């Protein structure tokens, strides 16, 4: 279980990194950011700093979850987070980026 938990942790971290890089690149193409919290901070900190701050916070929470690995629902929480980021971040950004190949 410990190896599986670590793999889920790494998957979640990679999804966060992908989301941050894809969002930054998308903003360079003048695509809209869908997260209203990030949108509200971007005028004050800039796109790069806002993404770095919020992605670092998300990765910090993932580290806390990983450290709590032997507790109840940690494994399930990482599965749910990976599923949510897969469906609402990875797949849409990947489709958008692949569409650039055909334009």
C-alpha atoms as a PDB file:
ATOM      1  CA  UNK A   1       0.000   0.000   0.000  1.00  0.00           C
ATOM      2  CA  UNK A   2       2.849   2.398   0.736  1.00  0.00           C
ATOM      3  CA  UNK A   3       4.230   2.157  -2.800  1.00  0.00           C
ATOM      4  CA  UNK A   4       0.743   2.675  -4.237  1.00  0.00           C
ATOM      5  CA  UNK A   5       0.194   5.681  -1.980  1.00  0.00           C
ATOM      6  CA  UNK A   6       3.470   7.222  -3.101  1.00  0.00           C
ATOM      7  CA  UNK A   7       2.552   6.679  -6.761  1.00  0.00           C
ATOM      8  CA  UNK A   8      -0.797   8.404  -6.190  1.00  0.00           C
ATOM      9  CA  UNK A   9       0.992  11.255  -4.448  1.00  0.00           C
ATOM     10  CA  UNK A  10       3.392  11.670  -7.375  1.00  0.00           C
ATOM     11  CA  UNK A  11       0.515  11.522  -9.869  1.00  0.00           C
ATOM     12  CA  UNK A  12      -1.261  14.317  -8.004  1.00  0.00           C
ATOM     13  CA  UNK A  13       1.895  16.445  -7.895  1.00  0.00           C
ATOM     14  CA  UNK A  14       2.437  15.936 -11.639  1.00  0.00           C
ATOM     15  CA  UNK A  15      -1.186  16.890 -12.324  1.00  0.00           C
ATOM     16  CA  UNK A  16      -0.659  20.100 -10.350  1.00  0.00           C
ATOM     17  CA  UNK A  17       2.515  20.890 -12.288  1.00  0.00           C
ATOM     18  CA  UNK A  18       0.799  20.137 -15.597  1.00  0.00           C
ATOM     19  CA  UNK A  19      -2.171  22.323 -14.667  1.00  0.00           C
ATOM     20  CA  UNK A  20       0.085  25.223 -13.706  1.00  0.00           C
ATOM     21  CA  UNK A  21       2.198  25.046 -16.865  1.00  0.00           C
ATOM     22  CA  UNK A  22      -0.828  24.515 -19.131  1.00  0.00           C
ATOM     23  CA  UNK A  23      -2.685  27.410 -17.512  1.00  0.00           C
ATOM     24  CA  UNK A  24       0.318  29.698 -17.903  1.00  0.00           C
ATOM     25  CA  UNK A  25       0.708  28.707 -21.558  1.00  0.00           C
ATOM     26  CA  UNK A  26      -3.022  29.091 -22.121  1.00  0.00           C
ATOM     27  CA  UNK A  27      -2.921  32.599 -20.726  1.00  0.00           C
ATOM     28  CA  UNK A  28      -0.153  33.406 -23.222  1.00  0.00           C
ATOM     29  CA  UNK A  29      -2.653  32.474 -25.973  1.00  0.00           C
ATOM     30  CA  UNK A  30      -5.263  34.721 -24.283  1.00  0.00           C
ATOM     31  CA  UNK A  31      -7.402  31.793 -23.189  1.00  0.00           C
ATOM     32  CA  UNK A  32      -9.540  32.455 -20.143  1.00  0.00           C
ATOM     33  CA  UNK A  33      -8.761  31.092 -16.695  1.00  0.00           C
ATOM     34  CA  UNK A  34     -11.730  29.198 -15.292  1.00  0.00           C
ATOM     35  CA  UNK A  35     -10.884  29.485 -11.590  1.00  0.00           C
ATOM     36  CA  UNK A  36     -12.429  32.677 -10.159  1.00  0.00           C
ATOM     37  CA  UNK A  37     -10.094  32.657  -7.154  1.00  0.00           C
ATOM     38  CA  UNK A  38      -7.015  32.672  -9.389  1.00  0.00           C
ATOM     39  CA  UNK A  39      -8.605  35.301 -11.610  1.00  0.00           C
ATOM     40  CA  UNK A  40      -9.150  37.601  -8.656  1.00  0.00           C
ATOM     41  CA  UNK A  41      -5.480  37.399  -7.600  1.00  0.00           C
ATOM     42  CA  UNK A  42      -3.866  37.688 -11.045  1.00  0.00           C
ATOM     43  CA  UNK A  43      -4.238  41.488 -11.353  1.00  0.00           C
ATOM     44  CA  UNK A  44      -2.355  41.932  -8.073  1.00  0.00           C
ATOM     45  CA  UNK A  45       0.401  39.309  -8.346  1.00  0.00           C
ATOM     46  CA  UNK A  46       0.578  38.597 -12.059  1.00  0.00           C
ATOM     47  CA  UNK A  47      -0.215  35.316 -13.757  1.00  0.00           C
ATOM     48  CA  UNK A  48       3.069  33.544 -13.043  1.00  0.00           C
ATOM     49  CA  UNK A  49       3.298  34.463  -9.367  1.00  0.00           C
ATOM     50  CA  UNK A  50      -0.366  33.646  -8.758  1.00  0.00           C
ATOM     51  CA  UNK A  51      -0.047  30.229 -10.371  1.00  0.00           C
ATOM     52  CA  UNK A  52       3.178  29.507  -8.515  1.00  0.00           C
ATOM     53  CA  UNK A  53       1.661  30.522  -5.178  1.00  0.00           C
ATOM     54  CA  UNK A  54      -1.531  28.505  -5.551  1.00  0.00           C
ATOM     55  CA  UNK A  55       0.162  25.435  -7.044  1.00  0.00           C
ATOM     56  CA  UNK A  56       2.769  25.480  -4.270  1.00  0.00           C
ATOM     57  CA  UNK A  57      -0.061  25.603  -1.734  1.00  0.00           C
ATOM     58  CA  UNK A  58      -1.817  22.683  -3.425  1.00  0.00           C
ATOM     59  CA  UNK A  59       1.413  20.661  -3.477  1.00  0.00           C
ATOM     60  CA  UNK A  60       1.954  21.515   0.189  1.00  0.00           C
ATOM     61  CA  UNK A  61      -1.451  20.052   1.024  1.00  0.00           C
ATOM     62  CA  UNK A  62      -0.541  16.958  -0.994  1.00  0.00           C
ATOM     63  CA  UNK A  63       2.630  16.587   1.087  1.00  0.00           C
ATOM     64  CA  UNK A  64       0.541  16.793   4.258  1.00  0.00           C
ATOM     65  CA  UNK A  65      -1.790  14.104   2.915  1.00  0.00           C
ATOM     66  CA  UNK A  66       1.190  11.924   1.989  1.00  0.00           C
ATOM     67  CA  UNK A  67       2.642  12.287   5.476  1.00  0.00           C
ATOM     68  CA  UNK A  68      -0.692  11.156   6.916  1.00  0.00           C
ATOM     69  CA  UNK A  69      -0.512   8.034   4.747  1.00  0.00           C
ATOM     70  CA  UNK A  70      -1.446   5.522   7.435  1.00  0.00           C
ATOM     71  CA  UNK A  71      -4.620   7.346   8.456  1.00  0.00           C
ATOM     72  CA  UNK A  72      -8.129   6.605   7.250  1.00  0.00           C
ATOM     73  CA  UNK A  73      -9.270   8.000   3.884  1.00  0.00           C
ATOM     74  CA  UNK A  74      -5.868   9.357   2.800  1.00  0.00           C
ATOM     75  CA  UNK A  75      -5.591   6.897  -0.076  1.00  0.00           C
ATOM     76  CA  UNK A  76      -9.189   7.557  -1.108  1.00  0.00           C
ATOM     77  CA  UNK A  77      -8.636  11.322  -0.917  1.00  0.00           C
ATOM     78  CA  UNK A  78      -5.675  11.108  -3.275  1.00  0.00           C
ATOM     79  CA  UNK A  79      -7.717   8.973  -5.681  1.00  0.00           C
ATOM     80  CA  UNK A  80     -10.562  11.517  -5.652  1.00  0.00           C
ATOM     81  CA  UNK A  81      -8.171  14.445  -6.166  1.00  0.00           C
ATOM     82  CA  UNK A  82      -6.434  12.729  -9.088  1.00  0.00           C
ATOM     83  CA  UNK A  83      -9.795  11.893 -10.656  1.00  0.00           C
ATOM     84  CA  UNK A  84     -11.065  15.458 -10.302  1.00  0.00           C
ATOM     85  CA  UNK A  85      -7.873  16.961 -11.737  1.00  0.00           C
ATOM     86  CA  UNK A  86      -7.869  14.390 -14.515  1.00  0.00           C
ATOM     87  CA  UNK A  87     -11.400  15.212 -15.626  1.00  0.00           C
ATOM     88  CA  UNK A  88     -11.498  18.947 -14.983  1.00  0.00           C
ATOM     89  CA  UNK A  89      -7.923  19.943 -15.782  1.00  0.00           C
ATOM     90  CA  UNK A  90      -5.811  17.375 -17.608  1.00  0.00           C
ATOM     91  CA  UNK A  91      -8.334  16.248 -20.228  1.00  0.00           C
ATOM     92  CA  UNK A  92      -9.621  19.761 -21.101  1.00  0.00           C
ATOM     93  CA  UNK A  93      -6.127  21.285 -21.273  1.00  0.00           C
ATOM     94  CA  UNK A  94      -4.777  18.374 -23.259  1.00  0.00           C
ATOM     95  CA  UNK A  95      -7.655  18.675 -25.745  1.00  0.00           C
ATOM     96  CA  UNK A  96      -7.062  22.411 -26.024  1.00  0.00           C
ATOM     97  CA  UNK A  97      -3.320  22.007 -26.541  1.00  0.00           C
ATOM     98  CA  UNK A  98      -3.779  19.217 -29.090  1.00  0.00           C
ATOM     99  CA  UNK A  99      -6.192  21.468 -30.988  1.00  0.00           C
ATOM    100  CA  UNK A 100      -3.249  23.799 -31.607  1.00  0.00           C
ATOM    101  CA  UNK A 101      -1.688  21.083 -33.740  1.00  0.00           C
ATOM    102  CA  UNK A 102      -4.617  21.208 -36.139  1.00  0.00           C
ATOM    103  CA  UNK A 103      -5.032  24.966 -36.513  1.00  0.00           C
END
